[in-house]
Amino acid sequence: MRLDLYEAMELELRPLGISRRQFLLMTGVGAVAAMLASCEVLASCDVIEQILEKIRNRPVRRDISLLTGSDPYVTAYANAVAALRALPISNKHSWDYQWGIHTNYCPHHNWLFLPWHREFVWRFEEICRQETQNESFTLPYWNWQKNPQVPAVFLNQGSPLYHQGRTATASSTIPISISGPQEMENILAQMNFLLFGSGSISATSPQNTFASAGPLEGTPHDNIHGFVGGDMGYIDTSPRDPIFWMHHNMIECVWVDWNLKRGNPNTNDPSWTGRRFTEFVDRAGNAVSVTPFDMVLYPLFLYRYDDPVLGLG
């Protein structure tokens, strides 16, 4: 085991605010990880190599604006939307049940906005894999900085990705002041999570308590919901539109960039790290109990993005 693997891990973990010891204890290698966490000769073991290999090979989420209607990832997403819509609301994987999770539990304009939607998008991606039996599926995202118009695949009225009632048309363009390169650079240049990630709330406050919106939530997030219009324009109905998931996957993409490419740490305030969510379900339909601290490693293990240029690059 080369010492540079140690260094590679440090570089990946630093912006997430996690020590190497914490990382090993969180990666599911059990007693072996616990032993190695205190081992002075960790560099001679192959656990780190295995972990880094998993990081290197994690699935890629792609910009849907660059994909055609016949692309396998677009087809897979359309099939997943159709499959979930066909399920009864009593099925926890169903389109309507997932919509209800957002309506009843989603936090906005507080610092739980980013981790809550990270879990929502990830669990939805897993549900799509399960219901279509397509394990290679990854959820696309809509890079509205690069492509400030509704992606063409959502405008085909014969597709499950089409949704009636949107006010945005094929010629509508998001104003540069909402998601243009300079605006995104201004957002990504904010180094303080307490400002970037929306306003803090106490550990005992309801999770949907309104505090304040950070620049990512308040500018591109809120305004692009309104730009698309129709169901997307309202918190209570936005997940009914299939473009919702592309929009929130882009929000996740920006947060990942802010953490991993720009090296900015999340808060370590226990009111944030320890907040527990229990409303999500896994691919078997079982309830999930998860905290923001549990989620910090998701972008290292579960997915990565196709290297988009965000901000001014």
Protein backbone atom coordinates (compact mmCIF):
# COMPACT_ATOMS: atom_id res chain seq x y z
CA MET A 1 0.00 0.00 0.00
CA ARG A 2 1.52 3.30 -1.06
CA LEU A 3 1.40 6.27 1.25
CA ASP A 4 -0.06 8.37 -1.56
CA LEU A 5 -3.36 6.50 -1.06
CA TYR A 6 -3.44 7.99 2.42
CA GLU A 7 -2.98 11.42 0.86
CA ALA A 8 -5.64 10.78 -1.78
CA MET A 9 -8.14 9.91 0.91
CA GLU A 10 -7.26 13.02 2.90
CA LEU A 11 -7.89 15.21 -0.15
CA GLU A 12 -11.29 13.63 -0.76
CA LEU A 13 -12.40 13.82 2.86
CA ARG A 14 -11.12 17.25 3.86
CA PRO A 15 -14.00 19.31 2.37
CA LEU A 16 -16.51 16.97 3.96
CA GLY A 17 -15.11 17.62 7.44
CA ILE A 18 -14.44 13.92 8.13
CA SER A 19 -11.29 12.39 9.57
CA ARG A 20 -9.79 9.23 8.12
CA ARG A 21 -10.77 7.38 11.29
CA GLN A 22 -14.40 8.53 11.07
CA PHE A 23 -14.44 7.60 7.41
CA LEU A 24 -13.34 4.02 8.03
CA LEU A 25 -15.90 3.59 10.76
CA MET A 26 -18.63 4.82 8.40
CA THR A 27 -17.78 2.67 5.39
CA GLY A 28 -19.35 -0.55 6.53
CA VAL A 29 -16.18 -2.63 6.88
CA GLY A 30 -17.11 -3.28 10.49
CA ALA A 31 -14.59 -4.59 12.98
CA VAL A 32 -11.80 -4.52 10.41
CA ALA A 33 -12.34 -0.81 9.87
CA ALA A 34 -12.45 -0.18 13.61
CA MET A 35 -9.16 -2.00 14.06
CA LEU A 36 -7.50 -0.23 11.17
CA ALA A 37 -8.75 3.15 12.31
CA SER A 38 -6.27 3.04 15.19
CA CYS A 39 -3.60 1.11 13.34
CA GLU A 40 -0.33 2.98 12.79
CA VAL A 41 0.52 0.74 9.82
CA LEU A 42 -2.70 1.36 7.92
CA ALA A 43 -0.69 2.10 4.78
CA SER A 44 0.37 -1.57 4.63
CA CYS A 45 -3.24 -2.80 4.42
CA ASP A 46 -5.39 -3.07 1.30
CA VAL A 47 -8.64 -1.70 2.76
CA ILE A 48 -7.87 1.85 1.59
CA GLU A 49 -7.13 0.57 -1.91
CA GLN A 50 -10.49 -1.19 -2.00
CA ILE A 51 -12.26 1.93 -0.79
CA LEU A 52 -10.57 4.15 -3.35
CA GLU A 53 -11.41 1.66 -6.10
CA LYS A 54 -15.07 1.92 -5.16
CA ILE A 55 -14.79 5.70 -5.27
CA ARG A 56 -13.20 5.63 -8.72
CA ASN A 57 -15.89 3.32 -10.14
CA ARG A 58 -19.03 4.92 -8.75
CA PRO A 59 -21.89 5.48 -11.24
CA VAL A 60 -22.06 8.64 -13.33
CA ARG A 61 -25.05 10.99 -13.43
CA ARG A 62 -25.34 12.72 -16.82
CA ASP A 63 -26.65 16.06 -18.08
CA ILE A 64 -29.98 15.27 -19.73
CA SER A 65 -29.71 18.32 -22.00
CA LEU A 66 -26.88 16.54 -23.82
CA LEU A 67 -28.90 13.35 -24.37
CA THR A 68 -31.35 12.55 -27.16
CA GLY A 69 -34.80 11.10 -26.65
CA SER A 70 -33.51 7.68 -27.70
CA ASP A 71 -30.53 7.70 -25.35
CA PRO A 72 -30.65 4.66 -22.99
CA TYR A 73 -30.58 6.90 -19.91
CA VAL A 74 -33.50 8.99 -21.15
CA THR A 75 -35.44 5.89 -22.17
CA ALA A 76 -34.74 4.32 -18.78
CA TYR A 77 -35.96 7.41 -16.97
CA ALA A 78 -39.13 7.58 -19.06
CA ASN A 79 -39.76 3.88 -18.35
CA ALA A 80 -39.25 4.47 -14.64
CA VAL A 81 -41.70 7.40 -14.60
CA ALA A 82 -44.32 5.28 -16.36
CA ALA A 83 -43.74 2.35 -13.99
CA LEU A 84 -44.06 4.47 -10.84
CA ARG A 85 -47.18 6.21 -12.12
CA ALA A 86 -48.79 2.82 -12.69
CA LEU A 87 -48.37 1.81 -9.04
CA PRO A 88 -51.20 2.43 -6.56
CA ILE A 89 -50.63 5.18 -4.00
CA SER A 90 -50.55 2.51 -1.29
CA ASN A 91 -47.25 1.34 -2.79
CA LYS A 92 -44.48 3.39 -1.22
CA HIS A 93 -42.55 3.43 -4.48
CA SER A 94 -45.43 4.97 -6.40
CA TRP A 95 -45.26 8.36 -8.07
CA ASP A 96 -48.01 9.71 -5.84
CA TYR A 97 -46.50 8.34 -2.62
CA GLN A 98 -43.14 9.95 -3.43
CA TRP A 99 -44.92 13.21 -4.23
CA GLY A 100 -46.61 12.96 -0.82
CA ILE A 101 -43.27 12.61 0.96
CA HIS A 102 -42.20 15.94 -0.48
CA THR A 103 -45.51 17.64 0.26
CA ASN A 104 -45.56 16.53 3.89
CA TYR A 105 -41.92 16.67 4.93
CA CYS A 106 -39.69 18.74 2.64
CA PRO A 107 -37.70 21.53 4.32
CA HIS A 108 -37.20 24.77 2.42
CA HIS A 109 -35.42 27.97 3.41
CA ASN A 110 -33.42 26.29 6.14
CA TRP A 111 -30.16 24.35 6.27
CA LEU A 112 -31.88 20.97 5.99
CA PHE A 113 -32.87 21.81 2.41
CA LEU A 114 -29.69 20.34 0.88
CA PRO A 115 -29.37 17.07 2.83
CA TRP A 116 -33.11 16.32 2.77
CA HIS A 117 -33.28 16.62 -1.00
CA ARG A 118 -30.02 14.66 -1.37
CA GLU A 119 -31.71 11.72 0.35
CA PHE A 120 -34.95 12.23 -1.60
CA VAL A 121 -33.14 12.16 -4.96
CA TRP A 122 -30.92 9.21 -4.02
CA ARG A 123 -33.83 7.09 -2.78
CA PHE A 124 -35.80 7.96 -5.90
CA GLU A 125 -32.89 6.84 -8.07
CA GLU A 126 -32.79 3.52 -6.21
CA ILE A 127 -36.56 3.11 -6.57
CA CYS A 128 -36.26 3.67 -10.33
CA ARG A 129 -33.63 0.93 -10.51
CA GLN A 130 -35.81 -1.44 -8.53
CA GLU A 131 -39.06 -0.87 -10.42
CA THR A 132 -37.45 -1.14 -13.86
CA GLN A 133 -34.95 -3.85 -12.89
CA ASN A 134 -32.25 -1.71 -14.47
CA GLU A 135 -29.25 -1.67 -12.17
CA SER A 136 -27.18 0.44 -14.58
CA PHE A 137 -29.64 3.34 -14.40
CA THR A 138 -28.44 6.67 -13.03
CA LEU A 139 -30.67 9.69 -12.63
CA PRO A 140 -29.81 12.46 -15.12
CA TYR A 141 -29.67 16.10 -14.12
CA TRP A 142 -30.54 19.35 -15.87
CA ASN A 143 -27.54 21.68 -16.05
CA TRP A 144 -29.48 24.92 -16.31
CA GLN A 145 -26.31 27.01 -16.22
CA LYS A 146 -25.14 25.51 -19.51
CA ASN A 147 -28.60 24.82 -20.98
CA PRO A 148 -31.07 27.46 -19.73
CA GLN A 149 -34.07 26.06 -21.61
CA VAL A 150 -36.34 23.13 -20.78
CA PRO A 151 -34.53 20.07 -22.20
CA ALA A 152 -36.10 18.87 -25.43
CA VAL A 153 -36.87 15.39 -24.06
CA PHE A 154 -39.47 16.95 -21.72
CA LEU A 155 -41.37 18.60 -24.59
CA ASN A 156 -42.44 15.47 -26.47
CA GLN A 157 -46.15 15.08 -25.74
CA GLY A 158 -45.98 11.35 -26.41
CA SER A 159 -43.41 10.77 -23.68
CA PRO A 160 -43.96 10.05 -19.96
CA LEU A 161 -41.55 12.97 -19.39
CA TYR A 162 -44.04 15.47 -20.77
CA HIS A 163 -46.20 17.21 -18.16
CA GLN A 164 -49.17 19.43 -18.89
CA GLY A 165 -49.46 22.94 -17.52
CA ARG A 166 -45.90 24.17 -17.67
CA THR A 167 -45.61 27.84 -18.54
CA ALA A 168 -42.12 27.46 -19.99
CA THR A 169 -42.12 26.66 -23.70
CA ALA A 170 -39.43 25.46 -26.09
CA SER A 171 -38.33 29.08 -26.64
CA SER A 172 -38.36 30.18 -22.99
CA THR A 173 -34.93 30.94 -21.55
CA ILE A 174 -33.89 31.27 -17.91
CA PRO A 175 -32.50 34.79 -17.33
CA ILE A 176 -28.73 34.93 -16.97
CA SER A 177 -29.21 36.66 -13.61
CA ILE A 178 -30.73 33.45 -12.22
CA SER A 179 -28.38 30.73 -13.41
CA GLY A 180 -25.75 32.27 -15.67
CA PRO A 181 -22.03 31.56 -15.16
CA GLN A 182 -21.34 34.71 -13.14
CA GLU A 183 -24.32 34.19 -10.86
CA MET A 184 -23.31 30.58 -10.27
CA GLU A 185 -19.73 31.65 -9.61
CA ASN A 186 -20.98 34.10 -7.00
CA ILE A 187 -22.92 31.29 -5.32
CA LEU A 188 -20.06 28.81 -5.43
CA ALA A 189 -17.61 31.42 -4.14
CA GLN A 190 -19.51 31.55 -0.83
CA MET A 191 -17.24 29.61 1.53
CA ASN A 192 -19.46 29.52 4.65
CA PHE A 193 -22.01 26.69 4.75
CA LEU A 194 -24.19 28.67 7.13
CA LEU A 195 -24.65 31.19 4.31
CA PHE A 196 -24.42 28.84 1.31
CA GLY A 197 -26.74 26.17 2.71
CA SER A 198 -29.69 28.33 3.91
CA GLY A 199 -30.46 29.48 7.43
CA SER A 200 -29.91 27.42 10.56
CA ILE A 201 -32.69 26.12 12.79
CA SER A 202 -32.50 24.51 16.20
CA ALA A 203 -32.38 20.76 16.79
CA THR A 204 -35.94 20.84 18.13
CA SER A 205 -37.51 23.06 15.45
CA PRO A 206 -39.84 21.34 12.96
CA GLN A 207 -37.80 20.40 9.91
CA ASN A 208 -39.94 22.54 7.60
CA THR A 209 -39.38 25.69 9.69
CA PHE A 210 -38.63 28.70 7.47
CA ALA A 211 -35.43 30.52 8.43
CA SER A 212 -33.73 32.06 5.38
CA ALA A 213 -32.70 30.97 1.91
CA GLY A 214 -29.06 30.67 0.93
CA PRO A 215 -28.04 31.89 -2.53
CA LEU A 216 -28.32 28.45 -4.15
CA GLU A 217 -31.81 27.83 -2.84
CA GLY A 218 -33.03 31.40 -3.10
CA THR A 219 -31.86 32.19 -6.63
CA PRO A 220 -31.60 29.28 -9.11
CA HIS A 221 -33.63 26.78 -7.10
CA ASP A 222 -36.66 28.92 -6.32
CA ASN A 223 -36.69 30.87 -9.56
CA ILE A 224 -36.31 27.86 -11.87
CA HIS A 225 -39.28 26.22 -10.18
CA GLY A 226 -41.20 29.35 -11.10
CA PHE A 227 -39.69 29.51 -14.59
CA VAL A 228 -40.92 25.99 -15.46
CA GLY A 229 -44.28 26.82 -13.93
CA GLY A 230 -47.38 24.69 -13.64
CA ASP A 231 -47.00 22.08 -10.91
CA MET A 232 -43.29 22.90 -10.66
CA GLY A 233 -44.21 26.35 -9.40
CA TYR A 234 -45.58 25.07 -6.07
CA ILE A 235 -43.95 23.17 -3.21
CA ASP A 236 -47.02 20.98 -2.79
CA THR A 237 -47.13 19.79 -6.40
CA SER A 238 -43.63 20.15 -7.90
CA PRO A 239 -42.67 16.42 -7.81
CA ARG A 240 -45.60 15.63 -10.07
CA ASP A 241 -43.51 16.98 -12.96
CA PRO A 242 -40.72 14.59 -14.04
CA ILE A 243 -38.39 17.57 -14.56
CA PHE A 244 -38.45 18.12 -10.77
CA TRP A 245 -35.93 15.32 -10.26
CA MET A 246 -33.58 16.72 -12.91
CA HIS A 247 -33.75 20.14 -11.26
CA HIS A 248 -32.98 18.83 -7.79
CA ASN A 249 -30.25 16.58 -9.11
CA MET A 250 -28.62 19.74 -10.45
CA ILE A 251 -28.89 21.33 -6.99
CA GLU A 252 -27.09 18.25 -5.66
CA CYS A 253 -24.48 18.58 -8.42
CA VAL A 254 -23.75 22.16 -7.34
CA TRP A 255 -23.40 21.13 -3.69
CA VAL A 256 -21.02 18.31 -4.65
CA ASP A 257 -18.95 20.79 -6.67
CA TRP A 258 -18.90 23.21 -3.72
CA ASN A 259 -17.67 20.44 -1.40
CA LEU A 260 -15.35 18.33 -3.50
CA LYS A 261 -14.04 20.58 -6.25
CA ARG A 262 -13.95 23.83 -4.31
CA GLY A 263 -12.97 22.26 -1.00
CA ASN A 264 -15.61 23.91 1.19
CA PRO A 265 -16.67 22.11 4.39
CA ASN A 266 -20.21 21.55 5.60
CA THR A 267 -21.14 22.64 9.08
CA ASN A 268 -20.31 20.32 11.98
CA ASP A 269 -23.07 21.76 14.15
CA PRO A 270 -24.84 18.77 15.77
CA SER A 271 -28.21 20.42 15.13
CA TRP A 272 -27.47 19.83 11.44
CA THR A 273 -25.35 16.68 11.45
CA GLY A 274 -27.62 14.86 13.89
CA ARG A 275 -31.05 15.76 12.49
CA ARG A 276 -32.84 12.50 11.79
CA PHE A 277 -35.19 11.88 8.85
CA THR A 278 -37.51 8.85 8.93
CA GLU A 279 -39.94 9.53 6.08
CA PHE A 280 -37.95 7.95 3.24
CA VAL A 281 -38.18 4.35 2.03
CA ASP A 282 -35.57 2.09 0.48
CA ARG A 283 -35.87 0.00 -2.66
CA ALA A 284 -37.62 -2.74 -0.69
CA GLY A 285 -40.21 -0.27 0.61
CA ASN A 286 -38.80 -0.30 4.14
CA ALA A 287 -38.56 2.85 6.24
CA VAL A 288 -35.17 4.55 6.33
CA SER A 289 -33.66 6.43 9.28
CA VAL A 290 -30.87 8.76 8.19
CA THR A 291 -29.04 11.93 9.24
CA PRO A 292 -27.10 14.54 7.25
CA PHE A 293 -23.92 13.09 8.75
CA ASP A 294 -24.83 9.71 7.23
CA MET A 295 -25.18 11.37 3.84
CA VAL A 296 -21.88 13.19 3.59
CA LEU A 297 -20.18 10.24 1.90
CA TYR A 298 -22.88 9.69 -0.74
CA PRO A 299 -21.05 11.67 -3.46
CA LEU A 300 -17.91 9.62 -2.79
CA PHE A 301 -19.48 6.17 -2.96
CA LEU A 302 -22.87 6.25 -4.63
CA TYR A 303 -22.56 8.60 -7.62
CA ARG A 304 -20.54 11.26 -9.38
CA TYR A 305 -21.31 13.76 -12.11
CA ASP A 306 -20.01 13.93 -15.66
CA ASP A 307 -17.56 16.71 -14.82
CA PRO A 308 -19.70 19.77 -15.64
CA VAL A 309 -18.17 23.24 -15.67
CA LEU A 310 -20.03 25.26 -13.05
CA GLY A 311 -19.59 28.93 -12.38
CA LEU A 312 -16.65 30.32 -14.32
CA GLY A 313 -14.88 26.98 -14.19
